[in-house]
Amino acid sequence: MAPVPHGWGLLLGQGPVERRKAELKFVSDQLQYSYGPPFALTEAGHRAIRSLLDRHGLGEEGFFEPPRSIYSEDDIKEFRL
């Protein structure tokens, strides 16, 4: 008998309802353990950036470049020299 992938061995010799439940549990476990942690880390990163921007009063576009109203064109030219 050929080796069966982990989790799918439960499907052999079962009726259609039990097989479907086992398939759904397998997919659910895959989503929970394979995609849950990266999603949580990504969400935490987005919340941290949002908190940083809100704390400093910057919008999304102001994170890398300060708003133009703070510096005049002369200030920017002088800084770049």
PDB file of N, CA and C in Angstrom:
ATOM      1  N   MET A   1       0.846  -1.180   0.000  1.00  0.00           N
ATOM      2  CA  MET A   1       0.000   0.000   0.000  1.00  0.00           C
ATOM      3  C   MET A   1       0.894   1.246   0.000  1.00  0.00           C
ATOM      4  N   ALA A   2       0.535   2.213  -0.795  1.00  0.00           N
ATOM      5  CA  ALA A   2       1.309   3.456  -0.903  1.00  0.00           C
ATOM      6  C   ALA A   2       1.102   4.295   0.353  1.00  0.00           C
ATOM      7  N   PRO A   3       2.116   5.086   0.733  1.00  0.00           N
ATOM      8  CA  PRO A   3       1.967   5.945   1.908  1.00  0.00           C
ATOM      9  C   PRO A   3       0.880   6.995   1.675  1.00  0.00           C
ATOM     10  N   VAL A   4       0.165   7.302   2.723  1.00  0.00           N
ATOM     11  CA  VAL A   4      -0.941   8.260   2.654  1.00  0.00           C
ATOM     12  C   VAL A   4      -0.495   9.544   3.350  1.00  0.00           C
ATOM     13  N   PRO A   5      -0.741  10.728   2.732  1.00  0.00           N
ATOM     14  CA  PRO A   5      -0.369  11.987   3.389  1.00  0.00           C
ATOM     15  C   PRO A   5      -1.018  12.116   4.753  1.00  0.00           C
ATOM     16  N   HIS A   6      -0.333  12.798   5.648  1.00  0.00           N
ATOM     17  CA  HIS A   6      -0.814  12.979   7.013  1.00  0.00           C
ATOM     18  C   HIS A   6      -2.214  13.581   7.014  1.00  0.00           C
ATOM     19  N   GLY A   7      -3.102  13.014   7.779  1.00  0.00           N
ATOM     20  CA  GLY A   7      -4.467  13.510   7.897  1.00  0.00           C
ATOM     21  C   GLY A   7      -5.441  12.846   6.946  1.00  0.00           C
ATOM     22  N   TRP A   8      -4.983  12.427   5.801  1.00  0.00           N
ATOM     23  CA  TRP A   8      -5.873  11.812   4.827  1.00  0.00           C
ATOM     24  C   TRP A   8      -6.058  10.320   5.093  1.00  0.00           C
ATOM     25  N   GLY A   9      -5.225   9.722   5.922  1.00  0.00           N
ATOM     26  CA  GLY A   9      -5.387   8.312   6.267  1.00  0.00           C
ATOM     27  C   GLY A   9      -6.699   8.058   6.994  1.00  0.00           C
ATOM     28  N   LEU A  10      -7.241   9.092   7.609  1.00  0.00           N
ATOM     29  CA  LEU A  10      -8.510   8.951   8.319  1.00  0.00           C
ATOM     30  C   LEU A  10      -9.685   8.750   7.372  1.00  0.00           C
ATOM     31  N   LEU A  11      -9.499   9.103   6.124  1.00  0.00           N
ATOM     32  CA  LEU A  11     -10.600   9.055   5.168  1.00  0.00           C
ATOM     33  C   LEU A  11     -10.843   7.660   4.602  1.00  0.00           C
ATOM     34  N   LEU A  12      -9.884   6.781   4.742  1.00  0.00           N
ATOM     35  CA  LEU A  12     -10.024   5.450   4.161  1.00  0.00           C
ATOM     36  C   LEU A  12     -11.024   4.626   4.951  1.00  0.00           C
ATOM     37  N   GLY A  13     -11.937   3.991   4.275  1.00  0.00           N
ATOM     38  CA  GLY A  13     -12.894   3.091   4.919  1.00  0.00           C
ATOM     39  C   GLY A  13     -14.007   3.788   5.665  1.00  0.00           C
ATOM     40  N   GLN A  14     -14.324   5.037   5.331  1.00  0.00           N
ATOM     41  CA  GLN A  14     -15.392   5.754   6.011  1.00  0.00           C
ATOM     42  C   GLN A  14     -16.517   6.063   5.033  1.00  0.00           C
ATOM     43  N   GLY A  15     -17.694   6.324   5.594  1.00  0.00           N
ATOM     44  CA  GLY A  15     -18.837   6.703   4.772  1.00  0.00           C
ATOM     45  C   GLY A  15     -18.708   8.142   4.304  1.00  0.00           C
ATOM     46  N   PRO A  16     -19.618   8.586   3.434  1.00  0.00           N
ATOM     47  CA  PRO A  16     -19.516   9.932   2.859  1.00  0.00           C
ATOM     48  C   PRO A  16     -19.605  11.063   3.890  1.00  0.00           C
ATOM     49  N   VAL A  17     -20.448  10.908   4.913  1.00  0.00           N
ATOM     50  CA  VAL A  17     -20.594  11.973   5.910  1.00  0.00           C
ATOM     51  C   VAL A  17     -19.325  12.079   6.752  1.00  0.00           C
ATOM     52  N   GLU A  18     -18.812  10.935   7.204  1.00  0.00           N
ATOM     53  CA  GLU A  18     -17.597  10.942   8.005  1.00  0.00           C
ATOM     54  C   GLU A  18     -16.404  11.438   7.182  1.00  0.00           C
ATOM     55  N   ARG A  19     -16.387  11.053   5.921  1.00  0.00           N
ATOM     56  CA  ARG A  19     -15.305  11.493   5.039  1.00  0.00           C
ATOM     57  C   ARG A  19     -15.338  13.013   4.877  1.00  0.00           C
ATOM     58  N   ARG A  20     -16.537  13.549   4.676  1.00  0.00           N
ATOM     59  CA  ARG A  20     -16.664  15.005   4.506  1.00  0.00           C
ATOM     60  C   ARG A  20     -16.255  15.742   5.772  1.00  0.00           C
ATOM     61  N   LYS A  21     -16.655  15.225   6.936  1.00  0.00           N
ATOM     62  CA  LYS A  21     -16.264  15.845   8.205  1.00  0.00           C
ATOM     63  C   LYS A  21     -14.749  15.817   8.380  1.00  0.00           C
ATOM     64  N   ALA A  22     -14.136  14.690   8.017  1.00  0.00           N
ATOM     65  CA  ALA A  22     -12.681  14.576   8.129  1.00  0.00           C
ATOM     66  C   ALA A  22     -11.978  15.541   7.169  1.00  0.00           C
ATOM     67  N   GLU A  23     -12.524  15.685   5.957  1.00  0.00           N
ATOM     68  CA  GLU A  23     -11.942  16.629   4.998  1.00  0.00           C
ATOM     69  C   GLU A  23     -12.045  18.061   5.514  1.00  0.00           C
ATOM     70  N   LEU A  24     -13.205  18.420   6.063  1.00  0.00           N
ATOM     71  CA  LEU A  24     -13.392  19.764   6.597  1.00  0.00           C
ATOM     72  C   LEU A  24     -12.480  20.031   7.787  1.00  0.00           C
ATOM     73  N   LYS A  25     -12.308  19.033   8.647  1.00  0.00           N
ATOM     74  CA  LYS A  25     -11.404  19.189   9.788  1.00  0.00           C
ATOM     75  C   LYS A  25      -9.970  19.364   9.312  1.00  0.00           C
ATOM     76  N   PHE A  26      -9.573  18.614   8.291  1.00  0.00           N
ATOM     77  CA  PHE A  26      -8.227  18.722   7.749  1.00  0.00           C
ATOM     78  C   PHE A  26      -7.982  20.131   7.192  1.00  0.00           C
ATOM     79  N   VAL A  27      -8.931  20.647   6.425  1.00  0.00           N
ATOM     80  CA  VAL A  27      -8.794  21.986   5.853  1.00  0.00           C
ATOM     81  C   VAL A  27      -8.797  23.035   6.962  1.00  0.00           C
ATOM     82  N   SER A  28      -9.672  22.861   7.945  1.00  0.00           N
ATOM     83  CA  SER A  28      -9.727  23.789   9.062  1.00  0.00           C
ATOM     84  C   SER A  28      -8.401  23.826   9.819  1.00  0.00           C
ATOM     85  N   ASP A  29      -7.826  22.657  10.065  1.00  0.00           N
ATOM     86  CA  ASP A  29      -6.523  22.592  10.747  1.00  0.00           C
ATOM     87  C   ASP A  29      -5.436  23.259   9.918  1.00  0.00           C
ATOM     88  N   GLN A  30      -5.470  23.039   8.606  1.00  0.00           N
ATOM     89  CA  GLN A  30      -4.475  23.662   7.733  1.00  0.00           C
ATOM     90  C   GLN A  30      -4.580  25.186   7.816  1.00  0.00           C
ATOM     91  N   LEU A  31      -5.802  25.710   7.774  1.00  0.00           N
ATOM     92  CA  LEU A  31      -5.984  27.156   7.861  1.00  0.00           C
ATOM     93  C   LEU A  31      -5.527  27.694   9.205  1.00  0.00           C
ATOM     94  N   GLN A  32      -5.878  26.978  10.264  1.00  0.00           N
ATOM     95  CA  GLN A  32      -5.545  27.441  11.607  1.00  0.00           C
ATOM     96  C   GLN A  32      -4.043  27.434  11.856  1.00  0.00           C
ATOM     97  N   TYR A  33      -3.371  26.353  11.518  1.00  0.00           N
ATOM     98  CA  TYR A  33      -1.967  26.208  11.874  1.00  0.00           C
ATOM     99  C   TYR A  33      -1.012  26.742  10.809  1.00  0.00           C
ATOM    100  N   SER A  34      -1.446  26.812   9.555  1.00  0.00           N
ATOM    101  CA  SER A  34      -0.554  27.281   8.496  1.00  0.00           C
ATOM    102  C   SER A  34      -0.715  28.774   8.215  1.00  0.00           C
ATOM    103  N   TYR A  35      -1.940  29.279   8.300  1.00  0.00           N
ATOM    104  CA  TYR A  35      -2.182  30.665   7.947  1.00  0.00           C
ATOM    105  C   TYR A  35      -2.502  31.549   9.139  1.00  0.00           C
ATOM    106  N   GLY A  36      -2.855  30.973  10.257  1.00  0.00           N
ATOM    107  CA  GLY A  36      -3.208  31.767  11.437  1.00  0.00           C
ATOM    108  C   GLY A  36      -2.056  32.597  11.972  1.00  0.00           C
ATOM    109  N   PRO A  37      -0.894  31.992  12.260  1.00  0.00           N
ATOM    110  CA  PRO A  37       0.213  32.779  12.811  1.00  0.00           C
ATOM    111  C   PRO A  37       0.706  33.900  11.881  1.00  0.00           C
ATOM    112  N   PRO A  38       0.908  33.649  10.574  1.00  0.00           N
ATOM    113  CA  PRO A  38       1.326  34.768   9.720  1.00  0.00           C
ATOM    114  C   PRO A  38       0.281  35.885   9.652  1.00  0.00           C
ATOM    115  N   PHE A  39      -0.996  35.518   9.654  1.00  0.00           N
ATOM    116  CA  PHE A  39      -2.047  36.535   9.643  1.00  0.00           C
ATOM    117  C   PHE A  39      -1.986  37.374  10.916  1.00  0.00           C
ATOM    118  N   ALA A  40      -1.807  36.717  12.066  1.00  0.00           N
ATOM    119  CA  ALA A  40      -1.745  37.434  13.341  1.00  0.00           C
ATOM    120  C   ALA A  40      -0.549  38.382  13.369  1.00  0.00           C
ATOM    121  N   LEU A  41       0.596  37.945  12.859  1.00  0.00           N
ATOM    122  CA  LEU A  41       1.780  38.803  12.834  1.00  0.00           C
ATOM    123  C   LEU A  41       1.581  39.989  11.896  1.00  0.00           C
ATOM    124  N   THR A  42       0.979  39.756  10.747  1.00  0.00           N
ATOM    125  CA  THR A  42       0.717  40.843   9.800  1.00  0.00           C
ATOM    126  C   THR A  42      -0.249  41.850  10.399  1.00  0.00           C
ATOM    127  N   GLU A  43      -1.293  41.366  11.030  1.00  0.00           N
ATOM    128  CA  GLU A  43      -2.278  42.250  11.653  1.00  0.00           C
ATOM    129  C   GLU A  43      -1.640  43.064  12.778  1.00  0.00           C
ATOM    130  N   ALA A  44      -0.791  42.433  13.581  1.00  0.00           N
ATOM    131  CA  ALA A  44      -0.103  43.149  14.660  1.00  0.00           C
ATOM    132  C   ALA A  44       0.808  44.234  14.087  1.00  0.00           C
ATOM    133  N   GLY A  45       1.483  43.938  12.993  1.00  0.00           N
ATOM    134  CA  GLY A  45       2.347  44.934  12.357  1.00  0.00           C
ATOM    135  C   GLY A  45       1.563  46.124  11.844  1.00  0.00           C
ATOM    136  N   HIS A  46       0.418  45.849  11.212  1.00  0.00           N
ATOM    137  CA  HIS A  46      -0.428  46.943  10.715  1.00  0.00           C
ATOM    138  C   HIS A  46      -0.929  47.808  11.869  1.00  0.00           C
ATOM    139  N   ARG A  47      -1.308  47.177  12.958  1.00  0.00           N
ATOM    140  CA  ARG A  47      -1.803  47.949  14.108  1.00  0.00           C
ATOM    141  C   ARG A  47      -0.685  48.771  14.740  1.00  0.00           C
ATOM    142  N   ALA A  48       0.531  48.232  14.780  1.00  0.00           N
ATOM    143  CA  ALA A  48       1.660  48.971  15.349  1.00  0.00           C
ATOM    144  C   ALA A  48       1.979  50.207  14.506  1.00  0.00           C
ATOM    145  N   ILE A  49       1.986  50.048  13.191  1.00  0.00           N
ATOM    146  CA  ILE A  49       2.247  51.190  12.308  1.00  0.00           C
ATOM    147  C   ILE A  49       1.149  52.236  12.444  1.00  0.00           C
ATOM    148  N   ARG A  50      -0.114  51.783  12.479  1.00  0.00           N
ATOM    149  CA  ARG A  50      -1.231  52.713  12.630  1.00  0.00           C
ATOM    150  C   ARG A  50      -1.113  53.485  13.947  1.00  0.00           C
ATOM    151  N   SER A  51      -0.739  52.799  15.021  1.00  0.00           N
ATOM    152  CA  SER A  51      -0.575  53.439  16.319  1.00  0.00           C
ATOM    153  C   SER A  51       0.550  54.474  16.273  1.00  0.00           C
ATOM    154  N   LEU A  52       1.656  54.130  15.632  1.00  0.00           N
ATOM    155  CA  LEU A  52       2.779  55.053  15.501  1.00  0.00           C
ATOM    156  C   LEU A  52       2.368  56.303  14.726  1.00  0.00           C
ATOM    157  N   LEU A  53       1.678  56.107  13.613  1.00  0.00           N
ATOM    158  CA  LEU A  53       1.246  57.246  12.809  1.00  0.00           C
ATOM    159  C   LEU A  53       0.253  58.121  13.564  1.00  0.00           C
ATOM    160  N   ASP A  54      -0.680  57.491  14.261  1.00  0.00           N
ATOM    161  CA  ASP A  54      -1.674  58.249  15.023  1.00  0.00           C
ATOM    162  C   ASP A  54      -1.012  59.017  16.166  1.00  0.00           C
ATOM    163  N   ARG A  55      -0.041  58.403  16.819  1.00  0.00           N
ATOM    164  CA  ARG A  55       0.638  59.036  17.944  1.00  0.00           C
ATOM    165  C   ARG A  55       1.396  60.291  17.501  1.00  0.00           C
ATOM    166  N   HIS A  56       1.931  60.271  16.301  1.00  0.00           N
ATOM    167  CA  HIS A  56       2.707  61.405  15.802  1.00  0.00           C
ATOM    168  C   HIS A  56       1.897  62.316  14.888  1.00  0.00           C
ATOM    169  N   GLY A  57       0.618  62.032  14.729  1.00  0.00           N
ATOM    170  CA  GLY A  57      -0.254  62.889  13.945  1.00  0.00           C
ATOM    171  C   GLY A  57       0.029  62.867  12.456  1.00  0.00           C
ATOM    172  N   LEU A  58       0.542  61.760  11.969  1.00  0.00           N
ATOM    173  CA  LEU A  58       0.852  61.647  10.545  1.00  0.00           C
ATOM    174  C   LEU A  58      -0.153  60.739   9.870  1.00  0.00           C
ATOM    175  N   GLY A  59      -0.488  61.057   8.633  1.00  0.00           N
ATOM    176  CA  GLY A  59      -1.316  60.158   7.844  1.00  0.00           C
ATOM    177  C   GLY A  59      -0.426  59.108   7.209  1.00  0.00           C
ATOM    178  N   GLU A  60      -1.006  58.245   6.417  1.00  0.00           N
ATOM    179  CA  GLU A  60      -0.214  57.206   5.765  1.00  0.00           C
ATOM    180  C   GLU A  60       0.849  57.795   4.856  1.00  0.00           C
ATOM    181  N   GLU A  61       0.514  58.868   4.143  1.00  0.00           N
ATOM    182  CA  GLU A  61       1.496  59.459   3.245  1.00  0.00           C
ATOM    183  C   GLU A  61       2.570  60.228   4.004  1.00  0.00           C
ATOM    184  N   GLY A  62       2.302  60.592   5.260  1.00  0.00           N
ATOM    185  CA  GLY A  62       3.260  61.355   6.049  1.00  0.00           C
ATOM    186  C   GLY A  62       4.280  60.517   6.784  1.00  0.00           C
ATOM    187  N   PHE A  63       4.223  59.224   6.636  1.00  0.00           N
ATOM    188  CA  PHE A  63       5.151  58.364   7.367  1.00  0.00           C
ATOM    189  C   PHE A  63       6.567  58.530   6.844  1.00  0.00           C
ATOM    190  N   PHE A  64       6.731  58.598   5.540  1.00  0.00           N
ATOM    191  CA  PHE A  64       8.061  58.684   4.960  1.00  0.00           C
ATOM    192  C   PHE A  64       8.463  60.111   4.612  1.00  0.00           C
ATOM    193  N   GLU A  65       7.513  60.978   4.474  1.00  0.00           N
ATOM    194  CA  GLU A  65       7.808  62.356   4.102  1.00  0.00           C
ATOM    195  C   GLU A  65       6.901  63.263   4.936  1.00  0.00           C
ATOM    196  N   PRO A  66       7.478  64.217   5.649  1.00  0.00           N
ATOM    197  CA  PRO A  66       6.631  65.088   6.471  1.00  0.00           C
ATOM    198  C   PRO A  66       5.699  65.922   5.596  1.00  0.00           C
ATOM    199  N   PRO A  67       4.580  66.338   6.140  1.00  0.00           N
ATOM    200  CA  PRO A  67       3.658  67.183   5.371  1.00  0.00           C
ATOM    201  C   PRO A  67       4.363  68.454   4.909  1.00  0.00           C
ATOM    202  N   ARG A  68       4.006  68.921   3.736  1.00  0.00           N
ATOM    203  CA  ARG A  68       4.652  70.093   3.148  1.00  0.00           C
ATOM    204  C   ARG A  68       4.378  71.372   3.945  1.00  0.00           C
ATOM    205  N   SER A  69       3.316  71.427   4.727  1.00  0.00           N
ATOM    206  CA  SER A  69       2.969  72.660   5.435  1.00  0.00           C
ATOM    207  C   SER A  69       3.974  73.001   6.533  1.00  0.00           C
ATOM    208  N   ILE A  70       4.751  72.040   7.013  1.00  0.00           N
ATOM    209  CA  ILE A  70       5.718  72.292   8.081  1.00  0.00           C
ATOM    210  C   ILE A  70       6.929  73.050   7.536  1.00  0.00           C
ATOM    211  N   TYR A  71       7.387  72.684   6.351  1.00  0.00           N
ATOM    212  CA  TYR A  71       8.597  73.268   5.783  1.00  0.00           C
ATOM    213  C   TYR A  71       8.272  74.090   4.546  1.00  0.00           C
ATOM    214  N   SER A  72       8.919  75.214   4.445  1.00  0.00           N
ATOM    215  CA  SER A  72       8.744  76.037   3.245  1.00  0.00           C
ATOM    216  C   SER A  72       9.663  75.499   2.156  1.00  0.00           C
ATOM    217  N   GLU A  73       9.469  75.957   0.950  1.00  0.00           N
ATOM    218  CA  GLU A  73      10.323  75.539  -0.162  1.00  0.00           C
ATOM    219  C   GLU A  73      11.769  75.954   0.082  1.00  0.00           C
ATOM    220  N   ASP A  74      11.983  77.131   0.705  1.00  0.00           N
ATOM    221  CA  ASP A  74      13.339  77.593   1.010  1.00  0.00           C
ATOM    222  C   ASP A  74      14.008  76.668   2.042  1.00  0.00           C
ATOM    223  N   ASP A  75      13.245  76.223   3.045  1.00  0.00           N
ATOM    224  CA  ASP A  75      13.797  75.306   4.046  1.00  0.00           C
ATOM    225  C   ASP A  75      14.233  74.002   3.382  1.00  0.00           C
ATOM    226  N   ILE A  76      13.438  73.510   2.482  1.00  0.00           N
ATOM    227  CA  ILE A  76      13.756  72.255   1.811  1.00  0.00           C
ATOM    228  C   ILE A  76      15.001  72.425   0.941  1.00  0.00           C
ATOM    229  N   LYS A  77      15.078  73.535   0.216  1.00  0.00           N
ATOM    230  CA  LYS A  77      16.264  73.789  -0.628  1.00  0.00           C
ATOM    231  C   LYS A  77      17.519  73.895   0.233  1.00  0.00           C
ATOM    232  N   GLU A  78      17.415  74.585   1.362  1.00  0.00           N
ATOM    233  CA  GLU A  78      18.575  74.742   2.245  1.00  0.00           C
ATOM    234  C   GLU A  78      19.005  73.399   2.827  1.00  0.00           C
ATOM    235  N   PHE A  79      18.063  72.574   3.180  1.00  0.00           N
ATOM    236  CA  PHE A  79      18.381  71.251   3.737  1.00  0.00           C
ATOM    237  C   PHE A  79      19.087  70.383   2.707  1.00  0.00           C
ATOM    238  N   ARG A  80      18.663  70.470   1.475  1.00  0.00           N
ATOM    239  CA  ARG A  80      19.231  69.633   0.427  1.00  0.00           C
ATOM    240  C   ARG A  80      20.618  70.086   0.009  1.00  0.00           C
ATOM    241  N   LEU A  81      21.007  71.309   0.330  1.00  0.00           N
ATOM    242  CA  LEU A  81      22.351  71.788  -0.003  1.00  0.00           C
ATOM    243  C   LEU A  81      23.316  71.223   0.932  1.00  0.00           C
TER     244      LEU A  81
END
